PDB file of N, CA and C in Angstrom:
ATOM      1  N   MET A   1       0.744  -1.138   0.027  1.00  0.00           N
ATOM      2  CA  MET A   1       0.022  -0.028   0.000  1.00  0.00           C
ATOM      3  C   MET A   1       0.910   1.259  -0.041  1.00  0.00           C
ATOM      4  N   THR A   2       0.391   2.203  -0.679  1.00  0.00           N
ATOM      5  CA  THR A   2       1.201   3.518  -0.715  1.00  0.00           C
ATOM      6  C   THR A   2       0.797   4.523   0.314  1.00  0.00           C
ATOM      7  N   LYS A   3       1.675   5.348   0.744  1.00  0.00           N
ATOM      8  CA  LYS A   3       1.362   6.397   1.720  1.00  0.00           C
ATOM      9  C   LYS A   3       0.206   7.276   1.190  1.00  0.00           C
ATOM     10  N   THR A   4       0.056   7.502  -0.020  1.00  0.00           N
ATOM     11  CA  THR A   4      -0.885   8.510  -0.565  1.00  0.00           C
ATOM     12  C   THR A   4      -2.271   7.682  -1.088  1.00  0.00           C
ATOM     13  N   GLY A   5      -2.317   6.416  -0.855  1.00  0.00           N
ATOM     14  CA  GLY A   5      -3.521   5.611  -1.188  1.00  0.00           C
ATOM     15  C   GLY A   5      -4.709   6.030  -0.533  1.00  0.00           C
ATOM     16  N   TYR A   6      -5.737   5.631  -1.039  1.00  0.00           N
ATOM     17  CA  TYR A   6      -7.140   6.160  -0.529  1.00  0.00           C
ATOM     18  C   TYR A   6      -7.879   4.765  -0.423  1.00  0.00           C
ATOM     19  N   ILE A   7      -8.846   4.671   0.537  1.00  0.00           N
ATOM     20  CA  ILE A   7      -9.600   3.602   0.769  1.00  0.00           C
ATOM     21  C   ILE A   7     -10.767   3.558  -0.343  1.00  0.00           C
ATOM     22  N   ASN A   8     -10.744   2.448  -1.042  1.00  0.00           N
ATOM     23  CA  ASN A   8     -11.753   2.350  -2.068  1.00  0.00           C
ATOM     24  C   ASN A   8     -12.947   1.800  -1.508  1.00  0.00           C
ATOM     25  N   ALA A   9     -12.880   0.915  -0.561  1.00  0.00           N
ATOM     26  CA  ALA A   9     -14.228   0.275  -0.088  1.00  0.00           C
ATOM     27  C   ALA A   9     -13.872  -0.148   1.375  1.00  0.00           C
ATOM     28  N   ALA A  10     -14.972  -0.181   2.243  1.00  0.00           N
ATOM     29  CA  ALA A  10     -14.788  -0.768   3.584  1.00  0.00           C
ATOM     30  C   ALA A  10     -16.093  -1.668   3.766  1.00  0.00           C
ATOM     31  N   PHE A  11     -16.004  -2.699   4.495  1.00  0.00           N
ATOM     32  CA  PHE A  11     -16.991  -3.606   4.774  1.00  0.00           C
ATOM     33  C   PHE A  11     -16.886  -4.130   6.162  1.00  0.00           C
ATOM     34  N   ARG A  12     -17.980  -4.045   6.953  1.00  0.00           N
ATOM     35  CA  ARG A  12     -17.898  -4.567   8.251  1.00  0.00           C
ATOM     36  C   ARG A  12     -17.952  -5.984   8.246  1.00  0.00           C
ATOM     37  N   SER A  13     -17.221  -6.582   9.108  1.00  0.00           N
ATOM     38  CA  SER A  13     -17.148  -8.138   9.165  1.00  0.00           C
ATOM     39  C   SER A  13     -18.337  -8.602  10.150  1.00  0.00           C
ATOM     40  N   SER A  14     -18.503  -9.852   9.973  1.00  0.00           N
ATOM     41  CA  SER A  14     -19.586 -10.425  10.808  1.00  0.00           C
ATOM     42  C   SER A  14     -19.253 -10.415  12.288  1.00  0.00           C
ATOM     43  N   ARG A  15     -17.840 -10.318  12.502  1.00  0.00           N
ATOM     44  CA  ARG A  15     -17.388 -10.312  13.843  1.00  0.00           C
ATOM     45  C   ARG A  15     -17.395  -8.912  14.400  1.00  0.00           C
ATOM     46  N   ASN A  16     -17.609  -8.683  15.744  1.00  0.00           N
ATOM     47  CA  ASN A  16     -17.526  -7.441  16.396  1.00  0.00           C
ATOM     48  C   ASN A  16     -16.473  -6.659  16.232  1.00  0.00           C
ATOM     49  N   ASN A  17     -16.407  -5.365  15.866  1.00  0.00           N
ATOM     50  CA  ASN A  17     -15.321  -4.495  15.906  1.00  0.00           C
ATOM     51  C   ASN A  17     -14.200  -5.028  14.841  1.00  0.00           C
ATOM     52  N   GLU A  18     -14.616  -5.570  13.649  1.00  0.00           N
ATOM     53  CA  GLU A  18     -13.803  -5.815  12.794  1.00  0.00           C
ATOM     54  C   GLU A  18     -14.325  -5.332  11.354  1.00  0.00           C
ATOM     55  N   THR A  19     -13.433  -4.777  10.380  1.00  0.00           N
ATOM     56  CA  THR A  19     -13.820  -4.281   9.150  1.00  0.00           C
ATOM     57  C   THR A  19     -12.668  -4.676   8.142  1.00  0.00           C
ATOM     58  N   TYR A  20     -13.017  -4.957   6.907  1.00  0.00           N
ATOM     59  CA  TYR A  20     -12.144  -4.915   5.899  1.00  0.00           C
ATOM     60  C   TYR A  20     -12.030  -3.683   5.127  1.00  0.00           C
ATOM     61  N   LEU A  21     -10.790  -3.283   4.779  1.00  0.00           N
ATOM     62  CA  LEU A  21     -10.451  -1.984   4.116  1.00  0.00           C
ATOM     63  C   LEU A  21      -9.816  -2.412   2.791  1.00  0.00           C
ATOM     64  N   PHE A  22     -10.311  -1.899   1.687  1.00  0.00           N
ATOM     65  CA  PHE A  22      -9.761  -2.340   0.343  1.00  0.00           C
ATOM     66  C   PHE A  22      -9.154  -0.987  -0.098  1.00  0.00           C
ATOM     67  N   ILE A  23      -7.783  -1.079  -0.726  1.00  0.00           N
ATOM     68  CA  ILE A  23      -7.093  -0.006  -1.302  1.00  0.00           C
ATOM     69  C   ILE A  23      -6.507  -0.582  -2.528  1.00  0.00           C
ATOM     70  N   ASN A  24      -7.125  -0.019  -3.705  1.00  0.00           N
ATOM     71  CA  ASN A  24      -6.472  -0.430  -4.959  1.00  0.00           C
ATOM     72  C   ASN A  24      -6.787  -2.082  -4.962  1.00  0.00           C
ATOM     73  N   ASP A  25      -5.598  -2.802  -5.135  1.00  0.00           N
ATOM     74  CA  ASP A  25      -5.608  -4.375  -5.372  1.00  0.00           C
ATOM     75  C   ASP A  25      -5.401  -4.984  -4.081  1.00  0.00           C
ATOM     76  N   LYS A  26      -5.202  -4.431  -2.859  1.00  0.00           N
ATOM     77  CA  LYS A  26      -5.088  -5.044  -1.599  1.00  0.00           C
ATOM     78  C   LYS A  26      -6.072  -4.842  -0.534  1.00  0.00           C
ATOM     79  N   TYR A  27      -6.134  -5.671   0.512  1.00  0.00           N
ATOM     80  CA  TYR A  27      -6.981  -5.470   1.599  1.00  0.00           C
ATOM     81  C   TYR A  27      -6.306  -5.688   2.881  1.00  0.00           C
ATOM     82  N   VAL A  28      -6.911  -5.147   3.867  1.00  0.00           N
ATOM     83  CA  VAL A  28      -6.422  -5.413   5.308  1.00  0.00           C
ATOM     84  C   VAL A  28      -7.731  -5.635   6.159  1.00  0.00           C
ATOM     85  N   LEU A  29      -7.547  -6.493   7.178  1.00  0.00           N
ATOM     86  CA  LEU A  29      -8.669  -6.877   8.158  1.00  0.00           C
ATOM     87  C   LEU A  29      -8.092  -6.059   9.302  1.00  0.00           C
ATOM     88  N   LEU A  30      -8.928  -5.154   9.743  1.00  0.00           N
ATOM     89  CA  LEU A  30      -8.618  -4.208  10.797  1.00  0.00           C
ATOM     90  C   LEU A  30      -9.719  -4.420  12.136  1.00  0.00           C
ATOM     91  N   ASP A  31      -9.074  -4.479  13.143  1.00  0.00           N
ATOM     92  CA  ASP A  31      -9.735  -4.567  14.468  1.00  0.00           C
ATOM     93  C   ASP A  31      -9.770  -3.037  15.059  1.00  0.00           C
ATOM     94  N   TYR A  32     -11.048  -2.490  15.261  1.00  0.00           N
ATOM     95  CA  TYR A  32     -11.096  -1.300  15.812  1.00  0.00           C
ATOM     96  C   TYR A  32     -11.817  -1.384  17.062  1.00  0.00           C
ATOM     97  N   ALA A  33     -11.470  -0.205  17.805  1.00  0.00           N
ATOM     98  CA  ALA A  33     -12.215  -0.056  19.188  1.00  0.00           C
ATOM     99  C   ALA A  33     -12.763   1.454  19.082  1.00  0.00           C
ATOM    100  N   PRO A  34     -13.963   1.295  18.979  1.00  0.00           N
ATOM    101  CA  PRO A  34     -14.816   2.527  18.930  1.00  0.00           C
ATOM    102  C   PRO A  34     -14.425   3.505  19.859  1.00  0.00           C
ATOM    103  N   GLY A  35     -14.259   4.902  19.734  1.00  0.00           N
ATOM    104  CA  GLY A  35     -13.822   5.843  20.692  1.00  0.00           C
ATOM    105  C   GLY A  35     -12.487   5.903  21.228  1.00  0.00           C
ATOM    106  N   THR A  36     -11.591   4.911  20.618  1.00  0.00           N
ATOM    107  CA  THR A  36     -10.162   4.936  21.075  1.00  0.00           C
ATOM    108  C   THR A  36      -9.305   4.989  19.765  1.00  0.00           C
ATOM    109  N   SER A  37      -7.992   4.904  20.025  1.00  0.00           N
ATOM    110  CA  SER A  37      -7.084   4.955  18.975  1.00  0.00           C
ATOM    111  C   SER A  37      -6.255   3.494  19.011  1.00  0.00           C
ATOM    112  N   ASN A  38      -6.919   2.563  19.602  1.00  0.00           N
ATOM    113  CA  ASN A  38      -6.391   1.075  19.709  1.00  0.00           C
ATOM    114  C   ASN A  38      -6.596   0.208  18.556  1.00  0.00           C
ATOM    115  N   ASP A  39      -6.569   0.798  17.294  1.00  0.00           N
ATOM    116  CA  ASP A  39      -6.974   0.113  16.193  1.00  0.00           C
ATOM    117  C   ASP A  39      -5.779  -0.852  15.809  1.00  0.00           C
ATOM    118  N   LYS A  40      -5.948  -2.134  15.224  1.00  0.00           N
ATOM    119  CA  LYS A  40      -4.786  -2.750  14.887  1.00  0.00           C
ATOM    120  C   LYS A  40      -5.022  -3.644  13.570  1.00  0.00           C
ATOM    121  N   VAL A  41      -4.216  -4.013  12.886  1.00  0.00           N
ATOM    122  CA  VAL A  41      -4.223  -4.694  11.721  1.00  0.00           C
ATOM    123  C   VAL A  41      -4.178  -6.245  12.123  1.00  0.00           C
ATOM    124  N   LEU A  42      -5.314  -7.043  11.770  1.00  0.00           N
ATOM    125  CA  LEU A  42      -5.213  -8.289  12.111  1.00  0.00           C
ATOM    126  C   LEU A  42      -4.603  -9.043  10.911  1.00  0.00           C
ATOM    127  N   TYR A  43      -4.829  -8.694   9.771  1.00  0.00           N
ATOM    128  CA  TYR A  43      -4.309  -9.476   8.562  1.00  0.00           C
ATOM    129  C   TYR A  43      -3.980  -8.521   7.431  1.00  0.00           C
ATOM    130  N   GLY A  44      -2.871  -8.842   6.759  1.00  0.00           N
ATOM    131  CA  GLY A  44      -2.829  -7.954   5.614  1.00  0.00           C
ATOM    132  C   GLY A  44      -1.600  -6.790   5.790  1.00  0.00           C
ATOM    133  N   PRO A  45      -1.310  -6.029   4.884  1.00  0.00           N
ATOM    134  CA  PRO A  45      -2.003  -5.957   3.571  1.00  0.00           C
ATOM    135  C   PRO A  45      -1.698  -7.158   2.752  1.00  0.00           C
ATOM    136  N   THR A  46      -2.822  -7.577   1.881  1.00  0.00           N
ATOM    137  CA  THR A  46      -2.503  -8.715   0.977  1.00  0.00           C
ATOM    138  C   THR A  46      -3.244  -8.552  -0.232  1.00  0.00           C
ATOM    139  N   PRO A  47      -2.788  -8.966  -1.276  1.00  0.00           N
ATOM    140  CA  PRO A  47      -3.501  -8.843  -2.576  1.00  0.00           C
ATOM    141  C   PRO A  47      -4.985  -9.520  -2.516  1.00  0.00           C
ATOM    142  N   VAL A  48      -5.861  -8.966  -3.026  1.00  0.00           N
ATOM    143  CA  VAL A  48      -7.293  -9.298  -3.041  1.00  0.00           C
ATOM    144  C   VAL A  48      -7.293 -10.851  -3.779  1.00  0.00           C
ATOM    145  N   ARG A  49      -6.477 -10.962  -4.645  1.00  0.00           N
ATOM    146  CA  ARG A  49      -6.508 -12.423  -5.339  1.00  0.00           C
ATOM    147  C   ARG A  49      -6.093 -13.533  -4.409  1.00  0.00           C
ATOM    148  N   ASP A  50      -5.251 -13.033  -3.294  1.00  0.00           N
ATOM    149  CA  ASP A  50      -4.785 -14.126  -2.544  1.00  0.00           C
ATOM    150  C   ASP A  50      -5.647 -14.402  -1.152  1.00  0.00           C
ATOM    151  N   GLY A  51      -6.775 -13.568  -1.166  1.00  0.00           N
ATOM    152  CA  GLY A  51      -7.598 -13.626  -0.023  1.00  0.00           C
ATOM    153  C   GLY A  51      -8.650 -14.734   0.053  1.00  0.00           C
TER     154      GLY A  51
END
């Protein structure tokens, strides 16, 4: 992923406080904590074709 990249799409996971973020041809699975800055990447970035 690039520093100047933009999020193309985001989808909430079926699990609590998890979301998928898609940037160009890659994605990450993010664990977020509402109201805090304790977000962390659970998986990725990885190419969509490998997901």
